[in-house]
Amino acid sequence: MTIEFNVEGMSCQHCVSAVTNAIRERDAAARVQVDLAAGKVTVESAAPVDSLKDAIDDAGYTVVAVANR
């Protein structure tokens, strides 16, 4: 399943790495794309959406919206 998260607080490549690593700790096979300018994180994963959202939150960023694509 592909999920798109609108995320606040990301501003640099460190943020991209932190979010990507946090998601991959929940699902090592996840495909993650981060668009800093748009504040979007697109994840292709079999993990539950809540688990992925929690991973982003735990990394220190705020998920403001979630959409399945």
C-alpha atoms as a PDB file:
ATOM      1  CA  MET A   1       0.000   0.000   0.000  1.00  0.00           C
ATOM      2  CA  THR A   2       1.174   3.551  -0.682  1.00  0.00           C
ATOM      3  CA  ILE A   3       0.579   6.192   1.989  1.00  0.00           C
ATOM      4  CA  GLU A   4       1.271   9.903   1.781  1.00  0.00           C
ATOM      5  CA  PHE A   5       1.980  11.842   4.963  1.00  0.00           C
ATOM      6  CA  ASN A   6       1.995  15.633   5.208  1.00  0.00           C
ATOM      7  CA  VAL A   7       4.750  16.342   7.721  1.00  0.00           C
ATOM      8  CA  GLU A   8       5.767  19.558   9.473  1.00  0.00           C
ATOM      9  CA  GLY A   9       9.254  20.322  10.721  1.00  0.00           C
ATOM     10  CA  MET A  10      11.413  18.853   7.947  1.00  0.00           C
ATOM     11  CA  SER A  11      13.938  21.285   6.502  1.00  0.00           C
ATOM     12  CA  CYS A  12      17.167  19.509   5.495  1.00  0.00           C
ATOM     13  CA  GLN A  13      18.801  16.264   4.434  1.00  0.00           C
ATOM     14  CA  HIS A  14      19.255  15.287   8.085  1.00  0.00           C
ATOM     15  CA  CYS A  15      15.453  15.406   8.389  1.00  0.00           C
ATOM     16  CA  VAL A  16      15.111  13.199   5.308  1.00  0.00           C
ATOM     17  CA  SER A  17      17.511  10.653   6.811  1.00  0.00           C
ATOM     18  CA  ALA A  18      15.836  10.734  10.219  1.00  0.00           C
ATOM     19  CA  VAL A  19      12.360  10.147   8.785  1.00  0.00           C
ATOM     20  CA  THR A  20      13.554   7.476   6.352  1.00  0.00           C
ATOM     21  CA  ASN A  21      15.470   5.592   9.047  1.00  0.00           C
ATOM     22  CA  ALA A  22      12.560   5.803  11.495  1.00  0.00           C
ATOM     23  CA  ILE A  23      10.185   4.302   8.930  1.00  0.00           C
ATOM     24  CA  ARG A  24      12.651   1.585   7.955  1.00  0.00           C
ATOM     25  CA  GLU A  25      12.998   0.603  11.622  1.00  0.00           C
ATOM     26  CA  ARG A  26       9.294  -0.350  11.442  1.00  0.00           C
ATOM     27  CA  ASP A  27       9.540  -1.899   7.947  1.00  0.00           C
ATOM     28  CA  ALA A  28      13.002  -2.585   6.553  1.00  0.00           C
ATOM     29  CA  ALA A  29      11.569  -3.133   3.056  1.00  0.00           C
ATOM     30  CA  ALA A  30       9.654   0.182   2.948  1.00  0.00           C
ATOM     31  CA  ARG A  31      10.194   2.467  -0.035  1.00  0.00           C
ATOM     32  CA  VAL A  32      10.354   6.055   1.204  1.00  0.00           C
ATOM     33  CA  GLN A  33      10.337   9.291  -0.807  1.00  0.00           C
ATOM     34  CA  VAL A  34      10.607  12.656   0.933  1.00  0.00           C
ATOM     35  CA  ASP A  35       9.687  15.947  -0.761  1.00  0.00           C
ATOM     36  CA  LEU A  36      11.080  18.635   1.550  1.00  0.00           C
ATOM     37  CA  ALA A  37       9.601  21.549  -0.382  1.00  0.00           C
ATOM     38  CA  ALA A  38       6.090  20.100  -0.228  1.00  0.00           C
ATOM     39  CA  GLY A  39       6.452  18.623   3.260  1.00  0.00           C
ATOM     40  CA  LYS A  40       5.370  15.205   1.995  1.00  0.00           C
ATOM     41  CA  VAL A  41       6.602  11.729   2.808  1.00  0.00           C
ATOM     42  CA  THR A  42       5.371   8.965   0.498  1.00  0.00           C
ATOM     43  CA  VAL A  43       5.789   5.438   1.794  1.00  0.00           C
ATOM     44  CA  GLU A  44       5.181   2.138   0.059  1.00  0.00           C
ATOM     45  CA  SER A  45       4.894  -0.398   2.855  1.00  0.00           C
ATOM     46  CA  ALA A  46       2.913  -3.316   4.215  1.00  0.00           C
ATOM     47  CA  ALA A  47       3.217  -1.943   7.776  1.00  0.00           C
ATOM     48  CA  PRO A  48       0.126  -0.490   9.473  1.00  0.00           C
ATOM     49  CA  VAL A  49      -0.407   3.220   8.790  1.00  0.00           C
ATOM     50  CA  ASP A  50      -0.499   4.013  12.515  1.00  0.00           C
ATOM     51  CA  SER A  51       2.896   2.355  12.992  1.00  0.00           C
ATOM     52  CA  LEU A  52       4.428   4.463  10.203  1.00  0.00           C
ATOM     53  CA  LYS A  53       2.824   7.649  11.565  1.00  0.00           C
ATOM     54  CA  ASP A  54       4.161   6.846  15.025  1.00  0.00           C
ATOM     55  CA  ALA A  55       7.647   6.318  13.564  1.00  0.00           C
ATOM     56  CA  ILE A  56       7.589   9.811  12.024  1.00  0.00           C
ATOM     57  CA  ASP A  57       6.261  11.322  15.263  1.00  0.00           C
ATOM     58  CA  ASP A  58       8.901   9.472  17.308  1.00  0.00           C
ATOM     59  CA  ALA A  59      11.603  10.915  15.038  1.00  0.00           C
ATOM     60  CA  GLY A  60      10.491  14.387  16.146  1.00  0.00           C
ATOM     61  CA  TYR A  61       8.279  15.491  13.265  1.00  0.00           C
ATOM     62  CA  THR A  62       4.551  16.225  13.169  1.00  0.00           C
ATOM     63  CA  VAL A  63       2.214  14.362  10.840  1.00  0.00           C
ATOM     64  CA  VAL A  64      -0.639  16.739   9.985  1.00  0.00           C
ATOM     65  CA  ALA A  65      -2.453  14.615   7.379  1.00  0.00           C
ATOM     66  CA  VAL A  66      -2.466  11.076   5.999  1.00  0.00           C
ATOM     67  CA  ALA A  67      -3.800   9.885   2.645  1.00  0.00           C
ATOM     68  CA  ASN A  68      -3.815   6.449   1.031  1.00  0.00           C
ATOM     69  CA  ARG A  69      -2.983   6.520  -2.655  1.00  0.00           C
END
